[in-house]
Protein backbone atom coordinates (compact mmCIF):
# COMPACT_ATOMS: atom_id res chain seq x y z
CA MET A 1 -3.41 4.84 9.91
CA LYS A 2 -2.48 1.18 9.62
CA THR A 3 -2.62 -0.72 6.37
CA LYS A 4 -2.46 -4.32 5.21
CA LEU A 5 0.20 -3.38 2.71
CA LYS A 6 3.13 -4.65 4.79
CA LEU A 7 1.41 -7.99 5.36
CA LEU A 8 0.58 -8.38 1.66
CA ARG A 9 4.11 -7.48 0.66
CA ALA A 10 5.55 -10.04 3.08
CA GLU A 11 3.13 -12.72 1.85
CA HIS A 12 4.43 -12.14 -1.66
CA ASN A 13 8.07 -12.29 -0.48
CA LEU A 14 8.76 -8.75 -1.66
CA THR A 15 11.03 -6.18 -0.09
CA GLN A 16 9.91 -2.57 0.06
CA ALA A 17 12.38 -1.89 -2.76
CA ASP A 18 10.89 -4.72 -4.85
CA LEU A 19 7.38 -3.37 -4.46
CA ALA A 20 8.54 0.18 -5.15
CA LYS A 21 10.11 -0.95 -8.44
CA ILE A 22 6.94 -2.82 -9.45
CA LEU A 23 4.83 0.26 -8.72
CA GLY A 24 7.22 2.78 -10.22
CA THR A 25 7.94 4.61 -6.99
CA ASN A 26 10.65 4.55 -4.32
CA GLN A 27 11.23 2.53 -1.17
CA LYS A 28 10.69 5.55 1.08
CA ALA A 29 7.15 5.97 -0.27
CA VAL A 30 6.33 2.30 0.35
CA SER A 31 7.69 2.57 3.88
CA SER A 32 5.57 5.63 4.63
CA TRP A 33 2.45 3.88 3.34
CA GLU A 34 3.15 0.82 5.50
CA THR A 35 3.66 2.84 8.66
CA GLY A 36 0.62 4.96 7.94
CA SER A 37 2.53 8.23 7.94
CA ALA A 38 1.28 8.83 4.39
CA ALA A 39 -1.31 7.38 2.06
CA PRO A 40 -0.76 6.79 -1.64
CA ARG A 41 -2.68 8.93 -4.08
CA PRO A 42 -5.75 7.27 -5.66
CA PRO A 43 -4.00 6.26 -8.92
CA MET A 44 -1.27 4.51 -6.90
CA MET A 45 -3.87 2.84 -4.68
CA GLN A 46 -5.40 1.48 -7.88
CA LYS A 47 -2.02 0.10 -9.02
CA ILE A 48 -1.60 -1.60 -5.64
CA GLU A 49 -5.13 -3.03 -5.83
CA ASP A 50 -4.47 -4.33 -9.35
CA TYR A 51 -1.15 -5.91 -8.37
CA PHE A 52 -2.39 -7.73 -5.26
CA GLY A 53 -5.95 -8.37 -6.47
CA ILE A 54 -7.43 -7.01 -3.24
CA PRO A 55 -9.72 -3.96 -3.03
CA LYS A 56 -7.83 -0.79 -2.11
CA GLU A 57 -10.49 -0.08 0.53
CA GLU A 58 -9.43 -3.28 2.28
CA ILE A 59 -5.70 -2.59 1.99
CA PHE A 60 -6.00 1.03 3.12
CA PHE A 61 -9.08 0.64 5.31
CA THR A 62 -8.39 3.55 7.61
CA ALA A 63 -7.76 5.91 4.71
CA PHE A 64 -11.38 5.26 3.68
CA ASN A 65 -12.83 5.10 7.20
CA TYR A 66 -14.11 8.64 7.67
CA SER A 67 -16.61 7.78 10.39
CA LYS A 68 -14.06 8.06 13.22
């Protein structure tokens, strides 16, 4: 499961630790979301959507792509 999260974070010049602090989580969680080894829970996806201003379905496309 790949996400656009890493790209968005880099575009905003944020480290994983920076983003984790903004979202109220830890760097390990952000790393696992970026690598696709885990997906954030829906409330956290909403926080990420609100922060970046991009629909969570676009950021976490494969988490919502149930057709495959």
